[in-house]
All heavy atoms as atom14 arrays in JSON, in Angstrom:
{
  "sequence": "CMRQAPQFHHWVARHEQAAGFAADGFYRQSGQIAAVFASTGPGNLF",
  "atom14_mask": [
    [1, 1, 1, 1, 1, 1, 0, 0, 0, 0, 0, 0, 0, 0],
    [1, 1, 1, 1, 1, 1, 1, 1, 0, 0, 0, 0, 0, 0],
    [1, 1, 1, 1, 1, 1, 1, 1, 1, 1, 1, 0, 0, 0],
    [1, 1, 1, 1, 1, 1, 1, 1, 1, 0, 0, 0, 0, 0],
    [1, 1, 1, 1, 1, 0, 0, 0, 0, 0, 0, 0, 0, 0],
    [1, 1, 1, 1, 1, 1, 1, 0, 0, 0, 0, 0, 0, 0],
    [1, 1, 1, 1, 1, 1, 1, 1, 1, 0, 0, 0, 0, 0],
    [1, 1, 1, 1, 1, 1, 1, 1, 1, 1, 1, 0, 0, 0],
    [1, 1, 1, 1, 1, 1, 1, 1, 1, 1, 0, 0, 0, 0],
    [1, 1, 1, 1, 1, 1, 1, 1, 1, 1, 0, 0, 0, 0],
    [1, 1, 1, 1, 1, 1, 1, 1, 1, 1, 1, 1, 1, 1],
    [1, 1, 1, 1, 1, 1, 1, 0, 0, 0, 0, 0, 0, 0],
    [1, 1, 1, 1, 1, 0, 0, 0, 0, 0, 0, 0, 0, 0],
    [1, 1, 1, 1, 1, 1, 1, 1, 1, 1, 1, 0, 0, 0],
    [1, 1, 1, 1, 1, 1, 1, 1, 1, 1, 0, 0, 0, 0],
    [1, 1, 1, 1, 1, 1, 1, 1, 1, 0, 0, 0, 0, 0],
    [1, 1, 1, 1, 1, 1, 1, 1, 1, 0, 0, 0, 0, 0],
    [1, 1, 1, 1, 1, 0, 0, 0, 0, 0, 0, 0, 0, 0],
    [1, 1, 1, 1, 1, 0, 0, 0, 0, 0, 0, 0, 0, 0],
    [1, 1, 1, 1, 0, 0, 0, 0, 0, 0, 0, 0, 0, 0],
    [1, 1, 1, 1, 1, 1, 1, 1, 1, 1, 1, 0, 0, 0],
    [1, 1, 1, 1, 1, 0, 0, 0, 0, 0, 0, 0, 0, 0],
    [1, 1, 1, 1, 1, 0, 0, 0, 0, 0, 0, 0, 0, 0],
    [1, 1, 1, 1, 1, 1, 1, 1, 0, 0, 0, 0, 0, 0],
    [1, 1, 1, 1, 0, 0, 0, 0, 0, 0, 0, 0, 0, 0],
    [1, 1, 1, 1, 1, 1, 1, 1, 1, 1, 1, 0, 0, 0],
    [1, 1, 1, 1, 1, 1, 1, 1, 1, 1, 1, 1, 0, 0],
    [1, 1, 1, 1, 1, 1, 1, 1, 1, 1, 1, 0, 0, 0],
    [1, 1, 1, 1, 1, 1, 1, 1, 1, 0, 0, 0, 0, 0],
    [1, 1, 1, 1, 1, 1, 0, 0, 0, 0, 0, 0, 0, 0],
    [1, 1, 1, 1, 0, 0, 0, 0, 0, 0, 0, 0, 0, 0],
    [1, 1, 1, 1, 1, 1, 1, 1, 1, 0, 0, 0, 0, 0],
    [1, 1, 1, 1, 1, 1, 1, 1, 0, 0, 0, 0, 0, 0],
    [1, 1, 1, 1, 1, 0, 0, 0, 0, 0, 0, 0, 0, 0],
    [1, 1, 1, 1, 1, 0, 0, 0, 0, 0, 0, 0, 0, 0],
    [1, 1, 1, 1, 1, 1, 1, 0, 0, 0, 0, 0, 0, 0],
    [1, 1, 1, 1, 1, 1, 1, 1, 1, 1, 1, 0, 0, 0],
    [1, 1, 1, 1, 1, 0, 0, 0, 0, 0, 0, 0, 0, 0],
    [1, 1, 1, 1, 1, 1, 0, 0, 0, 0, 0, 0, 0, 0],
    [1, 1, 1, 1, 1, 1, 1, 0, 0, 0, 0, 0, 0, 0],
    [1, 1, 1, 1, 0, 0, 0, 0, 0, 0, 0, 0, 0, 0],
    [1, 1, 1, 1, 1, 1, 1, 0, 0, 0, 0, 0, 0, 0],
    [1, 1, 1, 1, 0, 0, 0, 0, 0, 0, 0, 0, 0, 0],
    [1, 1, 1, 1, 1, 1, 1, 1, 0, 0, 0, 0, 0, 0],
    [1, 1, 1, 1, 1, 1, 1, 1, 0, 0, 0, 0, 0, 0],
    [1, 1, 1, 1, 1, 1, 1, 1, 1, 1, 1, 0, 0, 0]
  ],
  "atom14_positions": [
    [[143.42, -106.03, 60.84], [143.87, -105.23, 59.66], [144.85, -106.1, 58.86], [144.85, -106.01, 57.59], [144.69, -104.04, 60.24], [143.59, -102.81, 60.85], [0.0, 0.0, 0.0], [0.0, 0.0, 0.0], [0.0, 0.0, 0.0], [0.0, 0.0, 0.0], [0.0, 0.0, 0.0], [0.0, 0.0, 0.0], [0.0, 0.0, 0.0], [0.0, 0.0, 0.0]],
    [[145.68, -106.99, 59.5], [146.55, -107.85, 58.66], [145.74, -108.81, 57.81], [146.03, -109.1, 56.67], [147.51, -108.63, 59.66], [148.6, -107.86, 60.11], [149.9, -108.91, 60.95], [149.14, -109.17, 62.45], [0.0, 0.0, 0.0], [0.0, 0.0, 0.0], [0.0, 0.0, 0.0], [0.0, 0.0, 0.0], [0.0, 0.0, 0.0], [0.0, 0.0, 0.0]],
    [[144.52, -109.32, 58.42], [143.77, -110.2, 57.71], [143.1, -109.51, 56.38], [142.86, -110.15, 55.47], [142.66, -110.76, 58.56], [141.74, -111.83, 57.97], [140.67, -112.15, 58.94], [139.64, -111.12, 59.18], [138.7, -110.72, 58.26], [138.61, -111.35, 57.14], [137.83, -109.81, 58.66], [0.0, 0.0, 0.0], [0.0, 0.0, 0.0], [0.0, 0.0, 0.0]],
    [[142.87, -108.24, 56.54], [142.25, -107.55, 55.49], [143.26, -107.05, 54.4], [142.94, -106.39, 53.43], [141.56, -106.23, 56.06], [140.33, -106.7, 56.9], [139.64, -105.48, 57.53], [139.95, -104.29, 57.26], [138.75, -105.75, 58.39], [0.0, 0.0, 0.0], [0.0, 0.0, 0.0], [0.0, 0.0, 0.0], [0.0, 0.0, 0.0], [0.0, 0.0, 0.0]],
    [[144.57, -107.24, 54.63], [145.67, -106.96, 53.7], [146.21, -108.18, 53.17], [147.14, -108.79, 53.68], [146.73, -106.11, 54.39], [0.0, 0.0, 0.0], [0.0, 0.0, 0.0], [0.0, 0.0, 0.0], [0.0, 0.0, 0.0], [0.0, 0.0, 0.0], [0.0, 0.0, 0.0], [0.0, 0.0, 0.0], [0.0, 0.0, 0.0], [0.0, 0.0, 0.0]],
    [[145.71, -108.71, 51.97], [146.15, -109.92, 51.47], [147.61, -110.0, 51.09], [148.2, -111.09, 50.95], [145.16, -110.22, 50.25], [144.65, -108.97, 49.83], [144.6, -108.08, 51.11], [0.0, 0.0, 0.0], [0.0, 0.0, 0.0], [0.0, 0.0, 0.0], [0.0, 0.0, 0.0], [0.0, 0.0, 0.0], [0.0, 0.0, 0.0], [0.0, 0.0, 0.0]],
    [[148.14, -108.84, 50.92], [149.6, -108.85, 50.47], [150.53, -108.96, 51.8], [151.71, -109.07, 51.61], [149.91, -107.59, 49.71], [149.82, -106.32, 50.53], [148.44, -105.65, 50.57], [147.39, -106.39, 50.7], [148.37, -104.33, 50.51], [0.0, 0.0, 0.0], [0.0, 0.0, 0.0], [0.0, 0.0, 0.0], [0.0, 0.0, 0.0], [0.0, 0.0, 0.0]],
    [[149.92, -108.98, 52.93], [150.64, -109.17, 54.16], [150.57, -110.67, 54.52], [149.41, -111.23, 54.65], [150.26, -108.2, 55.23], [151.25, -108.15, 56.41], [152.3, -107.27, 56.26], [151.24, -109.1, 57.43], [153.24, -107.18, 57.33], [152.18, -108.94, 58.4], [153.11, -108.12, 58.37], [0.0, 0.0, 0.0], [0.0, 0.0, 0.0], [0.0, 0.0, 0.0]],
    [[151.68, -111.31, 54.81], [151.71, -112.72, 55.21], [152.15, -112.84, 56.64], [153.06, -112.24, 57.17], [152.71, -113.5, 54.32], [152.45, -113.33, 52.82], [151.43, -113.9, 52.17], [153.05, -112.51, 51.93], [151.48, -113.51, 50.91], [152.42, -112.66, 50.77], [0.0, 0.0, 0.0], [0.0, 0.0, 0.0], [0.0, 0.0, 0.0], [0.0, 0.0, 0.0]],
    [[151.36, -113.58, 57.39], [151.58, -113.72, 58.76], [151.58, -115.17, 59.26], [150.7, -115.92, 58.77], [150.61, -112.95, 59.62], [150.8, -113.05, 61.07], [150.33, -114.04, 61.88], [151.49, -112.22, 61.84], [150.64, -113.75, 63.13], [151.39, -112.8, 63.17], [0.0, 0.0, 0.0], [0.0, 0.0, 0.0], [0.0, 0.0, 0.0], [0.0, 0.0, 0.0]],
    [[152.51, -115.52, 60.17], [152.46, -116.87, 60.68], [152.38, -116.7, 62.2], [153.07, -115.92, 62.96], [153.76, -117.57, 60.42], [153.95, -117.87, 58.99], [153.4, -118.99, 58.18], [154.47, -117.02, 57.94], [153.76, -118.87, 56.9], [154.32, -117.65, 56.7], [155.13, -115.76, 57.96], [154.85, -117.13, 55.48], [155.58, -115.24, 56.84], [155.49, -115.96, 55.55]],
    [[151.49, -117.44, 62.84], [151.17, -117.43, 64.17], [152.24, -118.36, 64.88], [152.46, -119.55, 64.47], [149.75, -118.01, 64.55], [149.61, -117.98, 66.13], [148.73, -116.96, 64.12], [0.0, 0.0, 0.0], [0.0, 0.0, 0.0], [0.0, 0.0, 0.0], [0.0, 0.0, 0.0], [0.0, 0.0, 0.0], [0.0, 0.0, 0.0], [0.0, 0.0, 0.0]],
    [[152.89, -117.88, 65.91], [153.91, -118.64, 66.71], [153.2, -119.1, 68.02], [152.2, -118.53, 68.44], [155.1, -117.8, 66.97], [0.0, 0.0, 0.0], [0.0, 0.0, 0.0], [0.0, 0.0, 0.0], [0.0, 0.0, 0.0], [0.0, 0.0, 0.0], [0.0, 0.0, 0.0], [0.0, 0.0, 0.0], [0.0, 0.0, 0.0], [0.0, 0.0, 0.0]],
    [[153.87, -120.03, 68.66], [153.35, -120.38, 69.98], [153.87, -119.56, 71.04], [153.46, -119.6, 72.28], [153.74, -121.87, 70.19], [153.03, -122.78, 69.25], [151.87, -123.46, 69.92], [151.19, -124.31, 68.97], [150.47, -125.37, 69.45], [150.43, -125.55, 70.68], [149.9, -126.14, 68.55], [0.0, 0.0, 0.0], [0.0, 0.0, 0.0], [0.0, 0.0, 0.0]],
    [[154.89, -118.79, 70.84], [155.61, -118.01, 71.87], [156.27, -116.94, 71.15], [156.82, -117.05, 70.1], [156.6, -118.96, 72.57], [157.12, -118.39, 73.91], [158.26, -117.49, 73.84], [156.83, -118.67, 75.2], [158.47, -117.19, 75.08], [157.64, -117.83, 75.9], [0.0, 0.0, 0.0], [0.0, 0.0, 0.0], [0.0, 0.0, 0.0], [0.0, 0.0, 0.0]],
    [[156.3, -115.72, 71.93], [156.98, -114.63, 71.32], [158.41, -114.8, 70.97], [158.93, -114.27, 70.05], [156.77, -113.28, 72.24], [155.47, -112.73, 72.21], [154.43, -113.23, 73.27], [154.78, -114.34, 73.86], [153.4, -112.74, 73.43], [0.0, 0.0, 0.0], [0.0, 0.0, 0.0], [0.0, 0.0, 0.0], [0.0, 0.0, 0.0], [0.0, 0.0, 0.0]],
    [[159.14, -115.6, 71.82], [160.46, -115.81, 71.65], [160.64, -116.67, 70.28], [161.52, -116.31, 69.43], [161.15, -116.64, 72.68], [162.61, -116.74, 72.65], [163.18, -117.45, 73.86], [162.94, -118.63, 74.07], [163.95, -116.71, 74.63], [0.0, 0.0, 0.0], [0.0, 0.0, 0.0], [0.0, 0.0, 0.0], [0.0, 0.0, 0.0], [0.0, 0.0, 0.0]],
    [[159.73, -117.55, 69.97], [159.8, -118.36, 68.76], [159.5, -117.37, 67.62], [160.07, -117.52, 66.51], [158.82, -119.48, 68.83], [0.0, 0.0, 0.0], [0.0, 0.0, 0.0], [0.0, 0.0, 0.0], [0.0, 0.0, 0.0], [0.0, 0.0, 0.0], [0.0, 0.0, 0.0], [0.0, 0.0, 0.0], [0.0, 0.0, 0.0], [0.0, 0.0, 0.0]],
    [[158.59, -116.51, 67.72], [158.3, -115.42, 66.68], [159.52, -114.64, 66.33], [159.8, -114.35, 65.16], [157.16, -114.58, 67.09], [0.0, 0.0, 0.0], [0.0, 0.0, 0.0], [0.0, 0.0, 0.0], [0.0, 0.0, 0.0], [0.0, 0.0, 0.0], [0.0, 0.0, 0.0], [0.0, 0.0, 0.0], [0.0, 0.0, 0.0], [0.0, 0.0, 0.0]],
    [[160.24, -114.2, 67.4], [161.52, -113.46, 67.12], [162.49, -114.27, 66.49], [163.17, -113.74, 65.51], [0.0, 0.0, 0.0], [0.0, 0.0, 0.0], [0.0, 0.0, 0.0], [0.0, 0.0, 0.0], [0.0, 0.0, 0.0], [0.0, 0.0, 0.0], [0.0, 0.0, 0.0], [0.0, 0.0, 0.0], [0.0, 0.0, 0.0], [0.0, 0.0, 0.0]],
    [[162.76, -115.44, 66.84], [163.69, -116.35, 66.14], [163.26, -116.61, 64.7], [164.12, -116.67, 63.76], [164.03, -117.61, 66.92], [164.91, -117.35, 68.09], [164.52, -117.78, 69.31], [166.18, -116.79, 67.91], [165.34, -117.7, 70.37], [166.97, -116.52, 68.98], [166.69, -117.01, 70.31], [0.0, 0.0, 0.0], [0.0, 0.0, 0.0], [0.0, 0.0, 0.0]],
    [[161.99, -116.8, 64.5], [161.48, -116.95, 63.13], [161.65, -115.85, 62.11], [162.15, -116.01, 61.04], [159.98, -117.38, 63.13], [0.0, 0.0, 0.0], [0.0, 0.0, 0.0], [0.0, 0.0, 0.0], [0.0, 0.0, 0.0], [0.0, 0.0, 0.0], [0.0, 0.0, 0.0], [0.0, 0.0, 0.0], [0.0, 0.0, 0.0], [0.0, 0.0, 0.0]],
    [[161.45, -114.6, 62.76], [161.71, -113.37, 62.0], [163.23, -113.25, 61.7], [163.59, -112.84, 60.56], [161.23, -112.18, 62.75], [0.0, 0.0, 0.0], [0.0, 0.0, 0.0], [0.0, 0.0, 0.0], [0.0, 0.0, 0.0], [0.0, 0.0, 0.0], [0.0, 0.0, 0.0], [0.0, 0.0, 0.0], [0.0, 0.0, 0.0], [0.0, 0.0, 0.0]],
    [[164.11, -113.56, 62.7], [165.51, -113.62, 62.46], [165.99, -114.6, 61.35], [166.68, -114.2, 60.4], [166.21, -113.88, 63.82], [167.73, -113.86, 63.66], [168.28, -112.81, 63.37], [168.33, -114.88, 63.76], [0.0, 0.0, 0.0], [0.0, 0.0, 0.0], [0.0, 0.0, 0.0], [0.0, 0.0, 0.0], [0.0, 0.0, 0.0], [0.0, 0.0, 0.0]],
    [[165.47, -115.75, 61.34], [165.6, -116.73, 60.31], [165.12, -116.38, 59.01], [165.79, -116.65, 57.97], [0.0, 0.0, 0.0], [0.0, 0.0, 0.0], [0.0, 0.0, 0.0], [0.0, 0.0, 0.0], [0.0, 0.0, 0.0], [0.0, 0.0, 0.0], [0.0, 0.0, 0.0], [0.0, 0.0, 0.0], [0.0, 0.0, 0.0], [0.0, 0.0, 0.0]],
    [[163.99, -115.71, 58.99], [163.39, -115.29, 57.65], [164.41, -114.3, 57.04], [164.67, -114.34, 55.87], [162.0, -114.6, 58.03], [161.37, -114.09, 56.79], [160.59, -114.96, 56.05], [161.5, -112.83, 56.37], [159.88, -114.62, 54.86], [160.87, -112.34, 55.24], [160.02, -113.27, 54.49], [0.0, 0.0, 0.0], [0.0, 0.0, 0.0], [0.0, 0.0, 0.0]],
    [[164.86, -113.31, 57.94], [165.84, -112.28, 57.44], [167.03, -112.95, 56.84], [167.52, -112.65, 55.8], [166.14, -111.25, 58.44], [167.14, -110.25, 57.96], [166.7, -109.19, 57.1], [168.51, -110.33, 58.16], [167.58, -108.28, 56.61], [169.39, -109.46, 57.67], [168.98, -108.46, 56.96], [169.77, -107.5, 56.35], [0.0, 0.0, 0.0], [0.0, 0.0, 0.0]],
    [[167.65, -113.88, 57.61], [168.82, -114.53, 57.19], [168.76, -115.31, 55.9], [169.62, -115.38, 54.98], [169.33, -115.48, 58.36], [169.84, -114.8, 59.52], [170.27, -115.83, 60.57], [170.41, -115.15, 61.83], [171.45, -115.4, 62.62], [172.29, -116.32, 62.45], [171.47, -114.83, 63.88], [0.0, 0.0, 0.0], [0.0, 0.0, 0.0], [0.0, 0.0, 0.0]],
    [[167.51, -115.91, 55.72], [167.23, -116.71, 54.46], [166.86, -115.73, 53.32], [167.35, -116.02, 52.19], [166.19, -117.68, 54.78], [165.69, -118.44, 53.55], [166.85, -119.42, 53.09], [167.55, -119.93, 53.87], [166.85, -119.72, 51.79], [0.0, 0.0, 0.0], [0.0, 0.0, 0.0], [0.0, 0.0, 0.0], [0.0, 0.0, 0.0], [0.0, 0.0, 0.0]],
    [[166.12, -114.74, 53.46], [165.6, -113.93, 52.4], [166.19, -112.59, 52.3], [166.1, -112.07, 51.19], [164.04, -113.72, 52.59], [163.85, -112.88, 53.65], [0.0, 0.0, 0.0], [0.0, 0.0, 0.0], [0.0, 0.0, 0.0], [0.0, 0.0, 0.0], [0.0, 0.0, 0.0], [0.0, 0.0, 0.0], [0.0, 0.0, 0.0], [0.0, 0.0, 0.0]],
    [[166.85, -112.16, 53.32], [167.32, -110.67, 53.24], [166.38, -109.68, 53.41], [166.59, -108.42, 53.28], [0.0, 0.0, 0.0], [0.0, 0.0, 0.0], [0.0, 0.0, 0.0], [0.0, 0.0, 0.0], [0.0, 0.0, 0.0], [0.0, 0.0, 0.0], [0.0, 0.0, 0.0], [0.0, 0.0, 0.0], [0.0, 0.0, 0.0], [0.0, 0.0, 0.0]],
    [[165.05, -110.08, 53.77], [163.99, -109.05, 53.93], [163.53, -109.01, 55.44], [163.56, -110.11, 56.13], [162.64, -109.64, 53.22], [163.0, -109.59, 51.68], [161.7, -110.07, 50.87], [160.99, -110.93, 51.4], [161.45, -109.58, 49.74], [0.0, 0.0, 0.0], [0.0, 0.0, 0.0], [0.0, 0.0, 0.0], [0.0, 0.0, 0.0], [0.0, 0.0, 0.0]],
    [[163.27, -107.87, 55.92], [162.92, -107.68, 57.24], [161.52, -108.35, 57.49], [160.65, -108.15, 56.6], [162.85, -106.19, 57.64], [164.25, -105.56, 57.44], [162.31, -106.07, 59.06], [164.26, -104.18, 57.66], [0.0, 0.0, 0.0], [0.0, 0.0, 0.0], [0.0, 0.0, 0.0], [0.0, 0.0, 0.0], [0.0, 0.0, 0.0], [0.0, 0.0, 0.0]],
    [[161.27, -108.95, 58.61], [159.95, -109.45, 59.02], [159.63, -108.83, 60.31], [160.52, -108.58, 61.11], [159.99, -110.99, 59.13], [0.0, 0.0, 0.0], [0.0, 0.0, 0.0], [0.0, 0.0, 0.0], [0.0, 0.0, 0.0], [0.0, 0.0, 0.0], [0.0, 0.0, 0.0], [0.0, 0.0, 0.0], [0.0, 0.0, 0.0], [0.0, 0.0, 0.0]],
    [[158.33, -108.64, 60.45], [157.95, -107.99, 61.83], [157.63, -109.22, 62.84], [157.21, -110.32, 62.49], [156.68, -107.17, 61.58], [0.0, 0.0, 0.0], [0.0, 0.0, 0.0], [0.0, 0.0, 0.0], [0.0, 0.0, 0.0], [0.0, 0.0, 0.0], [0.0, 0.0, 0.0], [0.0, 0.0, 0.0], [0.0, 0.0, 0.0], [0.0, 0.0, 0.0]],
    [[157.79, -108.83, 64.13], [157.34, -109.58, 65.18], [156.27, -108.81, 65.93], [156.49, -107.76, 66.26], [158.52, -109.91, 66.14], [158.04, -110.82, 67.39], [159.69, -110.61, 65.3], [0.0, 0.0, 0.0], [0.0, 0.0, 0.0], [0.0, 0.0, 0.0], [0.0, 0.0, 0.0], [0.0, 0.0, 0.0], [0.0, 0.0, 0.0], [0.0, 0.0, 0.0]],
    [[155.12, -109.55, 66.14], [154.01, -108.86, 66.9], [153.97, -109.65, 68.24], [153.68, -110.76, 68.28], [152.83, -109.07, 66.01], [152.84, -108.47, 64.7], [153.03, -109.26, 63.61], [152.62, -107.1, 64.49], [153.18, -108.67, 62.37], [152.83, -106.55, 63.29], [153.0, -107.35, 62.21], [0.0, 0.0, 0.0], [0.0, 0.0, 0.0], [0.0, 0.0, 0.0]],
    [[154.24, -108.75, 69.25], [154.16, -109.35, 70.63], [153.12, -108.73, 71.4], [152.73, -107.56, 71.3], [155.53, -108.93, 71.29], [0.0, 0.0, 0.0], [0.0, 0.0, 0.0], [0.0, 0.0, 0.0], [0.0, 0.0, 0.0], [0.0, 0.0, 0.0], [0.0, 0.0, 0.0], [0.0, 0.0, 0.0], [0.0, 0.0, 0.0], [0.0, 0.0, 0.0]],
    [[152.65, -109.47, 72.42], [151.65, -109.04, 73.36], [152.19, -108.12, 74.3], [153.48, -108.01, 74.62], [150.92, -110.19, 73.96], [149.9, -109.82, 74.72], [0.0, 0.0, 0.0], [0.0, 0.0, 0.0], [0.0, 0.0, 0.0], [0.0, 0.0, 0.0], [0.0, 0.0, 0.0], [0.0, 0.0, 0.0], [0.0, 0.0, 0.0], [0.0, 0.0, 0.0]],
    [[151.47, -107.55, 75.15], [151.84, -106.65, 76.22], [152.74, -107.28, 77.26], [152.64, -108.5, 77.58], [150.58, -106.09, 76.9], [149.73, -105.56, 75.75], [150.8, -105.01, 77.75], [0.0, 0.0, 0.0], [0.0, 0.0, 0.0], [0.0, 0.0, 0.0], [0.0, 0.0, 0.0], [0.0, 0.0, 0.0], [0.0, 0.0, 0.0], [0.0, 0.0, 0.0]],
    [[153.4, -106.45, 77.93], [154.33, -106.79, 79.1], [155.21, -107.95, 78.99], [156.21, -107.82, 78.1], [0.0, 0.0, 0.0], [0.0, 0.0, 0.0], [0.0, 0.0, 0.0], [0.0, 0.0, 0.0], [0.0, 0.0, 0.0], [0.0, 0.0, 0.0], [0.0, 0.0, 0.0], [0.0, 0.0, 0.0], [0.0, 0.0, 0.0], [0.0, 0.0, 0.0]],
    [[154.91, -109.05, 79.52], [155.73, -110.28, 79.41], [155.95, -110.69, 77.92], [157.04, -111.18, 77.6], [155.05, -111.33, 80.27], [154.11, -110.62, 81.25], [153.8, -109.37, 80.51], [0.0, 0.0, 0.0], [0.0, 0.0, 0.0], [0.0, 0.0, 0.0], [0.0, 0.0, 0.0], [0.0, 0.0, 0.0], [0.0, 0.0, 0.0], [0.0, 0.0, 0.0]],
    [[154.97, -110.6, 77.15], [155.12, -110.93, 75.72], [156.17, -110.16, 75.08], [156.96, -110.66, 74.31], [0.0, 0.0, 0.0], [0.0, 0.0, 0.0], [0.0, 0.0, 0.0], [0.0, 0.0, 0.0], [0.0, 0.0, 0.0], [0.0, 0.0, 0.0], [0.0, 0.0, 0.0], [0.0, 0.0, 0.0], [0.0, 0.0, 0.0], [0.0, 0.0, 0.0]],
    [[156.24, -108.83, 75.32], [157.19, -108.05, 74.61], [158.74, -108.5, 75.26], [159.57, -108.54, 74.49], [157.01, -106.57, 74.98], [155.94, -105.92, 74.16], [155.75, -106.32, 73.11], [155.19, -105.01, 74.79], [0.0, 0.0, 0.0], [0.0, 0.0, 0.0], [0.0, 0.0, 0.0], [0.0, 0.0, 0.0], [0.0, 0.0, 0.0], [0.0, 0.0, 0.0]],
    [[158.72, -108.76, 76.48], [159.94, -109.13, 77.05], [160.39, -110.51, 76.6], [161.7, -110.75, 76.67], [159.88, -109.0, 78.6], [159.65, -107.54, 79.13], [159.69, -107.54, 80.63], [160.58, -106.55, 78.57], [0.0, 0.0, 0.0], [0.0, 0.0, 0.0], [0.0, 0.0, 0.0], [0.0, 0.0, 0.0], [0.0, 0.0, 0.0], [0.0, 0.0, 0.0]],
    [[159.57, -111.37, 76.24], [159.93, -112.65, 75.61], [160.76, -112.49, 74.39], [161.32, -113.49, 73.99], [158.75, -113.55, 75.42], [158.15, -114.06, 76.7], [156.76, -114.26, 76.76], [158.88, -114.47, 77.81], [156.12, -114.7, 77.83], [158.24, -114.93, 78.96], [156.83, -115.16, 78.93], [0.0, 0.0, 0.0], [0.0, 0.0, 0.0], [0.0, 0.0, 0.0]]
  ]
}
């Protein structure tokens, strides 16, 4: 669904923790909320 929405920009991270810190940094730089997409179980907990 994200691929089909050209107005949505997504970056693949190597780890859910890195994705979370990237979203935090994105907010600090831009003032805009970014989403973090985590996988099930351990991925969410990362």
